[in-house]
Protein backbone atom coordinates (compact mmCIF):
# COMPACT_ATOMS: atom_id res chain seq x y z
CA MET A 1 -17.41 -44.81 58.34
CA PRO A 2 -18.31 -41.24 57.26
CA LYS A 3 -18.18 -40.45 53.58
CA SER A 4 -15.54 -37.97 52.47
CA LYS A 5 -16.85 -34.89 50.76
CA ALA A 6 -15.98 -34.75 47.06
CA LYS A 7 -14.37 -31.55 45.85
CA ASN A 8 -16.36 -29.44 43.47
CA PRO A 9 -14.26 -29.61 40.26
CA LYS A 10 -15.89 -26.45 38.90
CA LYS A 11 -15.00 -24.49 42.03
CA THR A 12 -11.43 -25.82 42.00
CA ALA A 13 -11.00 -24.84 38.34
CA GLU A 14 -12.37 -21.37 39.03
CA THR A 15 -10.06 -20.93 42.01
CA THR A 16 -7.05 -22.03 39.96
CA LYS A 17 -7.96 -19.67 37.14
CA THR A 18 -8.33 -16.78 39.58
CA ASP A 19 -4.93 -17.57 41.11
CA GLU A 20 -3.33 -17.60 37.66
CA GLN A 21 -4.94 -14.27 36.79
CA GLN A 22 -3.64 -12.75 40.04
CA VAL A 23 -0.11 -13.94 39.27
CA GLN A 24 -0.30 -12.56 35.72
CA GLN A 25 -1.63 -9.24 36.98
CA HIS A 26 1.13 -9.11 39.61
CA ASP A 27 3.75 -9.64 36.90
CA ARG A 28 2.47 -6.71 34.86
CA ILE A 29 4.42 -3.46 34.88
CA ARG A 30 2.64 -0.73 36.81
CA ALA A 31 2.08 2.54 34.96
CA LYS A 32 0.20 5.81 35.36
CA PHE A 33 -2.06 7.53 32.82
CA PHE A 34 -0.78 11.09 33.02
CA GLN A 35 -2.15 13.70 30.58
CA GLU A 36 -1.12 12.45 27.13
CA LYS A 37 1.52 9.95 28.26
CA ILE A 38 1.80 6.66 30.08
CA ILE A 39 4.57 6.70 32.68
CA THR A 40 5.82 3.37 34.01
CA GLU A 41 7.29 2.52 37.37
CA ASP A 42 11.08 2.67 37.78
CA SER A 43 11.98 -0.98 37.15
CA ASP A 44 14.20 -3.17 35.00
CA ALA A 45 11.11 -4.70 33.36
CA ALA A 46 9.84 -1.25 32.36
CA ARG A 47 13.22 -0.27 30.92
CA ASP A 48 13.39 -3.57 29.03
CA LEU A 49 10.28 -2.53 27.09
CA TYR A 50 12.52 0.07 25.47
CA ASN A 51 15.86 -1.76 25.46
CA ILE A 52 14.47 -4.92 23.88
CA SER A 53 11.43 -3.82 21.88
CA ARG A 54 11.81 -0.02 21.64
CA PHE A 55 8.54 0.83 23.30
CA GLY A 56 8.54 4.34 24.72
CA LYS A 57 11.43 6.54 25.77
CA ILE A 58 13.55 6.29 28.93
CA GLU A 59 13.72 9.39 31.11
CA ARG A 60 14.99 9.42 34.72
CA GLY A 61 14.74 5.64 34.94
CA LYS A 62 11.09 5.49 33.89
CA ASN A 63 9.63 4.62 30.50
CA TYR A 64 7.41 7.26 28.89
CA LEU A 65 5.01 5.61 26.44
CA SER A 66 2.70 7.14 23.86
CA LEU A 67 -1.04 6.61 24.26
CA ILE A 68 -1.04 4.08 21.44
CA GLU A 69 1.89 2.13 22.88
CA GLY A 70 0.07 2.06 26.23
CA GLN A 71 -3.09 0.67 24.64
CA TYR A 72 -1.11 -2.03 22.82
CA LEU A 73 0.81 -3.13 25.92
CA LEU A 74 -2.41 -3.10 27.94
CA GLU A 75 -4.04 -5.38 25.40
CA LYS A 76 -0.98 -7.66 25.49
CA GLU A 77 -1.29 -7.73 29.31
CA LYS A 78 2.18 -6.27 29.80
CA LEU A 79 0.94 -3.24 31.76
CA GLU A 80 -1.36 -2.47 34.65
CA ILE A 81 -2.40 1.17 34.12
CA PHE A 82 -3.83 3.43 36.83
CA ASP A 83 -5.74 6.67 36.38
CA GLY A 84 -5.35 9.82 38.50
CA ARG A 85 -7.57 8.34 41.22
CA ASN A 86 -5.42 5.21 41.38
CA HIS A 87 -8.11 3.04 39.74
CA VAL A 88 -6.98 0.27 37.40
CA LEU A 89 -8.07 0.95 33.82
CA SER A 90 -9.60 -1.78 31.68
CA PHE A 91 -8.94 -1.88 27.94
CA GLU A 92 -12.30 -0.17 27.31
CA ASP A 93 -11.77 2.48 30.02
CA TYR A 94 -8.36 3.30 28.59
CA LEU A 95 -9.72 3.49 25.05
CA ARG A 96 -12.42 5.97 26.06
CA LYS A 97 -9.86 8.24 27.75
CA ALA A 98 -7.47 8.04 24.78
CA GLN A 99 -10.22 8.81 22.24
CA LYS A 100 -11.06 12.02 24.10
CA ILE A 101 -7.44 13.15 23.78
CA GLU A 102 -6.41 11.97 20.33
CA PRO A 103 -8.66 12.22 17.25
CA ASN A 104 -8.95 9.14 15.06
CA PHE A 105 -7.31 7.11 17.86
CA TRP A 106 -8.97 3.77 17.11
CA ILE A 107 -8.04 3.83 13.41
CA LYS A 108 -4.45 4.68 14.31
CA TYR A 109 -4.41 1.96 16.94
CA CYS A 110 -5.62 -0.70 14.49
CA VAL A 111 -2.71 0.17 12.19
CA PHE A 112 -0.17 0.31 15.03
CA ARG A 113 -1.29 -3.08 16.35
CA ASP A 114 -1.24 -4.70 12.91
CA ILE A 115 2.27 -3.46 12.09
CA ARG A 116 3.64 -4.41 15.52
CA ASN A 117 2.08 -7.86 15.25
CA ARG A 118 3.84 -8.30 11.91
CA GLY A 119 7.22 -7.83 13.62
CA TYR A 120 8.04 -4.23 12.68
CA ILE A 121 8.95 -1.42 15.06
CA ILE A 122 6.55 1.48 14.65
CA LYS A 123 6.93 4.87 16.32
CA THR A 124 5.07 8.16 16.17
CA ALA A 125 6.27 10.59 13.51
CA LEU A 126 4.74 13.94 14.39
CA LYS A 127 8.00 15.79 13.78
CA PHE A 128 7.95 14.43 10.21
CA GLY A 129 4.36 15.54 9.70
CA ALA A 130 3.07 11.96 9.62
CA ASP A 131 1.28 9.67 12.09
CA PHE A 132 3.91 6.92 12.22
CA ARG A 133 7.33 5.91 11.03
CA VAL A 134 8.15 2.24 10.51
CA TYR A 135 11.51 0.50 10.51
CA GLU A 136 12.46 -2.51 8.43
CA ARG A 137 12.31 -5.83 10.29
CA GLY A 138 15.34 -6.32 12.53
CA ILE A 139 16.15 -2.58 12.59
CA LYS A 140 15.76 -0.54 15.76
CA PRO A 141 15.54 3.26 16.01
CA GLY A 142 19.04 4.62 16.34
CA GLU A 143 20.55 1.82 14.23
CA ASP A 144 19.20 3.13 10.92
CA HIS A 145 16.53 5.45 9.56
CA ALA A 146 12.88 4.45 9.26
CA LYS A 147 11.90 3.04 5.88
CA TRP A 148 8.28 4.27 5.73
CA VAL A 149 6.03 7.05 6.96
CA VAL A 150 2.48 5.83 7.53
CA PHE A 151 -0.88 7.58 7.31
CA PRO A 152 -3.81 5.54 8.70
CA VAL A 153 -7.23 6.17 7.12
CA HIS A 154 -10.66 4.58 7.41
CA GLU A 155 -11.90 2.88 4.23
CA GLY A 156 -14.90 5.22 4.16
CA SER A 157 -12.85 8.42 4.37
CA THR A 158 -11.86 10.57 1.40
CA LEU A 159 -8.74 12.56 0.60
CA THR A 160 -8.52 15.61 -1.61
CA TRP A 161 -5.75 15.75 -4.19
CA HIS A 162 -4.17 18.48 -2.10
CA GLU A 163 -4.13 16.25 1.01
CA PHE A 164 -2.81 13.31 -1.00
CA SER A 165 -0.07 15.47 -2.53
CA SER A 166 0.98 16.84 0.87
CA LYS A 167 1.43 13.30 2.21
CA ASN A 168 3.63 12.50 -0.76
CA ARG A 169 5.71 15.61 -0.11
CA VAL A 170 6.22 14.59 3.53
CA ALA A 171 7.55 11.17 2.49
CA HIS A 172 9.70 12.64 -0.28
CA SER A 173 11.21 15.37 1.92
CA THR A 174 12.11 12.87 4.68
CA LYS A 175 13.51 10.36 2.14
CA LYS A 176 11.07 7.68 3.22
CA ARG A 177 8.48 5.60 1.42
CA LEU A 178 4.83 6.52 1.83
CA LEU A 179 2.34 3.97 3.16
CA VAL A 180 -1.36 4.67 3.32
CA ALA A 181 -2.91 2.16 5.75
CA CYS A 182 -6.61 1.61 5.07
CA VAL A 183 -8.70 0.16 7.94
CA ASP A 184 -12.01 -1.54 7.09
CA GLU A 185 -15.06 -2.22 9.27
CA GLU A 186 -13.59 -5.56 10.46
CA GLN A 187 -10.40 -3.74 11.57
CA ASP A 188 -8.38 -5.42 8.82
CA VAL A 189 -5.65 -3.22 7.38
CA THR A 190 -4.64 -2.92 3.72
CA TYR A 191 -1.46 -1.06 2.81
CA TRP A 192 -0.84 1.04 -0.27
CA GLU A 193 2.70 2.15 -1.01
CA ILE A 194 2.90 5.30 -3.11
CA LYS A 195 6.01 6.30 -5.04
CA TRP A 196 7.03 9.35 -6.99
CA VAL A 197 7.26 8.79 -10.75
CA ARG A 198 9.01 11.24 -13.04
CA PRO A 199 7.87 11.12 -16.68
């Protein structure tokens, strides 16, 4: 009686893992890296990124994400992002492209990721003269105003008194609290809240 060939458990495990990765990748929302924005496909899943979690902005059925939101959702394996040549971008490829466009991108991203992971909604705040605005937990943009404006800095950077004062004025004029988010070499973030005090 001929012996039956035993299956290679290593090969089977590898095949299963590959199949799972293909399914996960298939479930990701397709998006395009276009200039300084990430534009998703026209789908319910893409619109749910905004409706449920307030990522991006809906225009003509598609979700327009900031570069930082795109990086975060790529890291969370929610997106599959293509460049202009229709090549899929890895996390590292995406990061290199984003860093060429936006100065201090990695420091900003570390802060964005940390705040999002803590359960807060964080959005860009260029019109306020700040990097980010952050809403209290459970509050979505449109329901109430943001509670903080946030300025990410590297722990080795320095601020002049003039720069520090201007950040305070931005927070005061927009009736928000000022957070300075300090990123260290291990990408850990420490937050300093600054308030006006009248003698």
